[in-house]
Amino acid sequence: MIEYGKNSVGKGAQIFEPVTLGFPSRDVMGKTGFTGTTIGENAVIRSGTILYCDVTIGNHFQSGHNVMIREKTQIGNRVGIGTSVVIEGNTIIGDDVSLQSMVYIPTDTVIGNKVFIGPNTVLTNDRYPPTRIGGLKGPQIRDGAAIGANATLLPGVCIGEGALVAAGAIVTRDVPAYKLAIGAPAKITDLPSKMEGKDTKK
C-alpha cells in the first residue's frame, strides 16, 4: 500500500494491493503531515483504488478495481463503488448508496441516502464547457432515487426523493419526487404502475 499524509483505516479492513491512500491534491503537493484518507471499519478496497487526501469514508465501504476518489469527498456507511468509477472530489455521498461500474461523478455533487446509480451514468457540472460560465454545480440526487444505465444528468439538476431516471435518459431539468424521467431530452411522467405506492428507498 502506498500512503501519503496521515491516514486512518478502521479494523477489519481488507486491502488488495496495489492501493494508494492520501494521494496529495494540488494544495498539499510537496508537503508532509497533511490529512490523508479516513476509512471506517470492515472496508473492502480492491486493487487499483486511489483515494486522495481529505477523503472520509464510513463503515462497510467497498470499492471495485481502479476506483478514483478525489479530495474533499465525504462518503457514508455501507457504500459500494463499482469498478472504474471516478469521483472528482468535493462531493457528499450518503449511506447505503450503490454506484455501479464506470459511473462519473463531478465536483460539487450531492448524493443522498439509499441511492442507486447504474453503470456508465455520467453526471456533469459545467453547463458551458470549458468556459465555466456561471460556475460549477453538480447534480443533487435525493434519498431513494434511482438512475438507470447510461443516463446523463446536466449540471445543477435535482433528482427528487424516490424518483427514477430511465436508462439512457438525458436529464436537462429537475425531476420531482416519485416521478419518472425518460427519453432524450427526458420528459417527466408518472412512475410505472408496479412502482406506485411502493417505498423506492428500500
Protein backbone atom coordinates (compact mmCIF):
# COMPACT_ATOMS: atom_id res chain seq x y z
CA MET A 1 0.00 0.00 0.00
CA ILE A 2 1.28 3.46 -0.92
CA GLU A 3 0.46 6.15 1.65
CA TYR A 4 0.71 9.93 1.62
CA GLY A 5 -0.14 12.15 4.57
CA LYS A 6 -1.78 10.82 7.72
CA ASN A 7 -4.26 8.02 7.02
CA SER A 8 -6.62 6.05 9.24
CA VAL A 9 -8.15 2.67 8.39
CA GLY A 10 -10.65 1.00 10.74
CA LYS A 11 -10.43 -2.54 11.96
CA GLY A 12 -11.46 -5.45 9.76
CA ALA A 13 -10.36 -3.82 6.51
CA GLN A 14 -9.34 -5.98 3.56
CA ILE A 15 -6.99 -4.15 1.20
CA PHE A 16 -5.84 -5.77 -2.06
CA GLU A 17 -2.65 -4.29 -3.47
CA PRO A 18 -1.89 -2.00 -5.14
CA VAL A 19 -3.90 0.66 -3.31
CA THR A 20 -3.00 4.32 -2.71
CA LEU A 21 -4.24 6.26 0.31
CA GLY A 22 -4.00 10.01 0.89
CA PHE A 23 -2.80 10.96 -2.59
CA PRO A 24 -1.99 14.69 -2.39
CA SER A 25 -4.19 17.30 -4.01
CA ARG A 26 -2.53 20.27 -5.69
CA ASP A 27 -2.89 22.27 -2.46
CA VAL A 28 -0.64 19.92 -0.48
CA MET A 29 1.79 18.58 -3.07
CA GLY A 30 5.31 18.65 -1.69
CA LYS A 31 4.07 18.95 1.89
CA THR A 32 4.06 16.43 4.73
CA GLY A 33 1.75 15.81 7.65
CA PHE A 34 -1.45 16.70 5.80
CA THR A 35 -4.70 14.83 6.41
CA GLY A 36 -4.89 11.75 4.23
CA THR A 37 -7.76 9.27 3.90
CA THR A 38 -10.00 8.20 6.78
CA ILE A 39 -11.87 4.91 6.37
CA GLY A 40 -14.23 3.22 8.83
CA GLU A 41 -14.44 -0.42 9.83
CA ASN A 42 -14.78 -3.52 7.65
CA ALA A 43 -13.83 -1.94 4.34
CA VAL A 44 -13.01 -3.96 1.22
CA ILE A 45 -10.68 -1.99 -1.05
CA ARG A 46 -9.78 -3.71 -4.30
CA SER A 47 -6.65 -3.34 -6.38
CA GLY A 48 -6.08 -0.15 -8.32
CA THR A 49 -8.09 2.05 -5.94
CA ILE A 50 -6.69 5.56 -5.38
CA LEU A 51 -8.14 7.60 -2.52
CA TYR A 52 -6.99 11.22 -2.24
CA CYS A 53 -6.32 13.33 0.84
CA ASP A 54 -9.26 14.75 2.82
CA VAL A 55 -11.48 11.81 1.89
CA THR A 56 -13.65 10.50 4.73
CA ILE A 57 -15.46 7.17 4.35
CA GLY A 58 -17.79 5.39 6.79
CA ASN A 59 -18.09 1.74 7.77
CA HIS A 60 -18.60 -1.26 5.44
CA PHE A 61 -17.26 0.52 2.35
CA GLN A 62 -16.45 -1.48 -0.79
CA SER A 63 -14.59 -0.41 -3.90
CA GLY A 64 -14.22 -2.23 -7.18
CA HIS A 65 -10.97 -2.21 -9.16
CA ASN A 66 -9.40 1.02 -10.43
CA VAL A 67 -11.62 3.40 -8.49
CA MET A 68 -10.50 7.03 -8.03
CA ILE A 69 -11.97 9.30 -5.35
CA ARG A 70 -10.61 12.85 -5.29
CA GLU A 71 -10.08 15.19 -2.34
CA LYS A 72 -12.73 16.64 -0.01
CA THR A 73 -15.21 13.83 -0.56
CA GLN A 74 -17.41 12.56 2.26
CA ILE A 75 -18.94 9.09 1.99
CA GLY A 76 -21.36 7.50 4.47
CA ASN A 77 -21.81 3.92 5.66
CA ARG A 78 -22.44 0.80 3.57
CA VAL A 79 -21.49 2.39 0.25
CA GLY A 80 -20.41 0.34 -2.76
CA ILE A 81 -18.35 1.93 -5.52
CA GLY A 82 -18.06 -0.16 -8.69
CA THR A 83 -15.07 -0.78 -10.93
CA SER A 84 -13.59 2.24 -12.75
CA VAL A 85 -15.81 4.78 -11.00
CA VAL A 86 -14.39 8.33 -10.87
CA ILE A 87 -15.49 10.79 -8.19
CA GLU A 88 -13.85 14.15 -8.87
CA GLY A 89 -13.96 15.50 -5.32
CA ASN A 90 -15.79 18.00 -3.11
CA THR A 91 -18.71 15.58 -3.16
CA ILE A 92 -21.07 14.32 -0.45
CA ILE A 93 -22.48 10.78 -0.62
CA GLY A 94 -24.91 9.44 1.98
CA ASP A 95 -25.48 5.98 3.44
CA ASP A 96 -26.46 2.79 1.57
CA VAL A 97 -25.50 4.12 -1.87
CA SER A 98 -24.57 1.93 -4.83
CA LEU A 99 -22.56 3.37 -7.73
CA GLN A 100 -22.22 0.76 -10.47
CA SER A 101 -19.19 0.36 -12.74
CA MET A 102 -17.86 3.31 -14.77
CA VAL A 103 -20.05 5.98 -13.17
CA TYR A 104 -18.63 9.53 -13.39
CA ILE A 105 -19.32 11.98 -10.56
CA PRO A 106 -18.06 15.59 -11.00
CA THR A 107 -17.10 18.04 -8.27
CA ASP A 108 -19.81 19.75 -6.23
CA THR A 109 -22.29 16.85 -6.37
CA VAL A 110 -24.58 15.81 -3.51
CA ILE A 111 -25.99 12.26 -3.34
CA GLY A 112 -28.45 11.31 -0.60
CA ASN A 113 -29.13 8.02 1.17
CA LYS A 114 -30.23 4.76 -0.50
CA VAL A 115 -29.44 6.00 -4.00
CA PHE A 116 -28.72 3.63 -6.90
CA ILE A 117 -26.76 4.84 -9.94
CA GLY A 118 -26.49 2.42 -12.85
CA PRO A 119 -23.40 1.65 -14.96
CA ASN A 120 -21.94 4.24 -17.33
CA THR A 121 -24.03 7.03 -15.87
CA VAL A 122 -22.45 10.47 -16.35
CA LEU A 123 -23.15 13.45 -14.12
CA THR A 124 -21.93 16.88 -15.27
CA ASN A 125 -21.23 20.19 -13.55
CA ASP A 126 -20.26 22.69 -16.29
CA ARG A 127 -23.12 23.95 -18.42
CA TYR A 128 -20.86 25.79 -20.90
CA PRO A 129 -17.61 23.81 -21.03
CA PRO A 130 -14.83 24.73 -20.90
CA THR A 131 -15.73 28.35 -20.06
CA ARG A 132 -17.20 27.62 -16.58
CA ILE A 133 -19.63 30.49 -17.16
CA GLY A 134 -21.92 30.54 -14.15
CA GLY A 135 -19.54 28.37 -12.11
CA LEU A 136 -19.50 24.65 -11.47
CA LYS A 137 -22.55 22.98 -9.96
CA GLY A 138 -23.06 19.23 -9.87
CA PRO A 139 -26.43 17.49 -9.68
CA GLN A 140 -28.25 16.75 -6.44
CA ILE A 141 -29.78 13.30 -6.06
CA ARG A 142 -32.23 12.96 -3.19
CA ASP A 143 -32.84 9.97 -0.92
CA GLY A 144 -34.10 6.81 -2.55
CA ALA A 145 -33.69 7.94 -6.15
CA ALA A 146 -32.52 5.51 -8.84
CA ILE A 147 -30.66 6.28 -12.06
CA GLY A 148 -30.66 3.77 -14.93
CA ALA A 149 -27.63 2.75 -17.00
CA ASN A 150 -26.11 5.22 -19.47
CA ALA A 151 -28.12 8.18 -18.22
CA THR A 152 -26.69 11.71 -18.40
CA LEU A 153 -27.51 14.40 -15.85
CA LEU A 154 -26.84 18.04 -16.73
CA PRO A 155 -25.31 20.50 -14.24
CA GLY A 156 -27.36 21.54 -11.24
CA VAL A 157 -30.39 19.31 -11.86
CA CYS A 158 -32.14 17.87 -8.82
CA ILE A 159 -33.45 14.32 -8.87
CA GLY A 160 -36.22 14.24 -6.29
CA GLU A 161 -36.74 11.76 -3.49
CA GLY A 162 -37.76 8.34 -4.77
CA ALA A 163 -37.61 9.47 -8.40
CA LEU A 164 -36.49 7.20 -11.23
CA VAL A 165 -34.37 8.15 -14.24
CA ALA A 166 -34.74 5.65 -17.08
CA ALA A 167 -31.75 4.06 -18.79
CA GLY A 168 -30.28 6.28 -21.49
CA ALA A 169 -32.20 9.38 -20.39
CA ILE A 170 -30.67 12.85 -20.75
CA VAL A 171 -31.94 14.89 -17.82
CA THR A 172 -31.94 18.65 -18.52
CA ARG A 173 -34.25 19.80 -15.71
CA ASP A 174 -35.32 18.84 -12.21
CA VAL A 175 -37.22 15.61 -11.68
CA PRO A 176 -39.91 15.89 -8.97
CA ALA A 177 -40.11 13.37 -6.15
CA TYR A 178 -41.59 9.99 -7.09
CA LYS A 179 -41.70 10.78 -10.80
CA LEU A 180 -40.06 9.15 -13.84
CA ALA A 181 -37.70 10.89 -16.28
CA ILE A 182 -37.49 9.10 -19.62
CA GLY A 183 -36.11 9.93 -23.07
CA ALA A 184 -33.57 12.32 -24.59
CA PRO A 185 -34.17 15.02 -23.61
CA ALA A 186 -36.05 13.48 -20.71
CA LYS A 187 -39.76 14.02 -20.23
CA ILE A 188 -41.35 13.80 -16.79
CA THR A 189 -44.12 11.27 -16.27
CA ASP A 190 -45.60 9.08 -13.54
CA LEU A 191 -43.76 6.10 -12.18
CA PRO A 192 -44.72 2.72 -13.64
CA SER A 193 -47.87 1.30 -12.04
CA LYS A 194 -45.84 -1.53 -10.50
CA MET A 195 -43.84 1.04 -8.53
CA GLU A 196 -46.68 3.29 -7.43
CA GLY A 197 -47.26 3.29 -3.72
CA LYS A 198 -44.02 1.44 -3.03
CA ASP A 199 -41.19 2.79 -0.91
CA THR A 200 -38.47 3.14 -3.56
CA LYS A 201 -35.93 3.89 -0.83
CA LYS A 202 -35.79 0.21 0.16
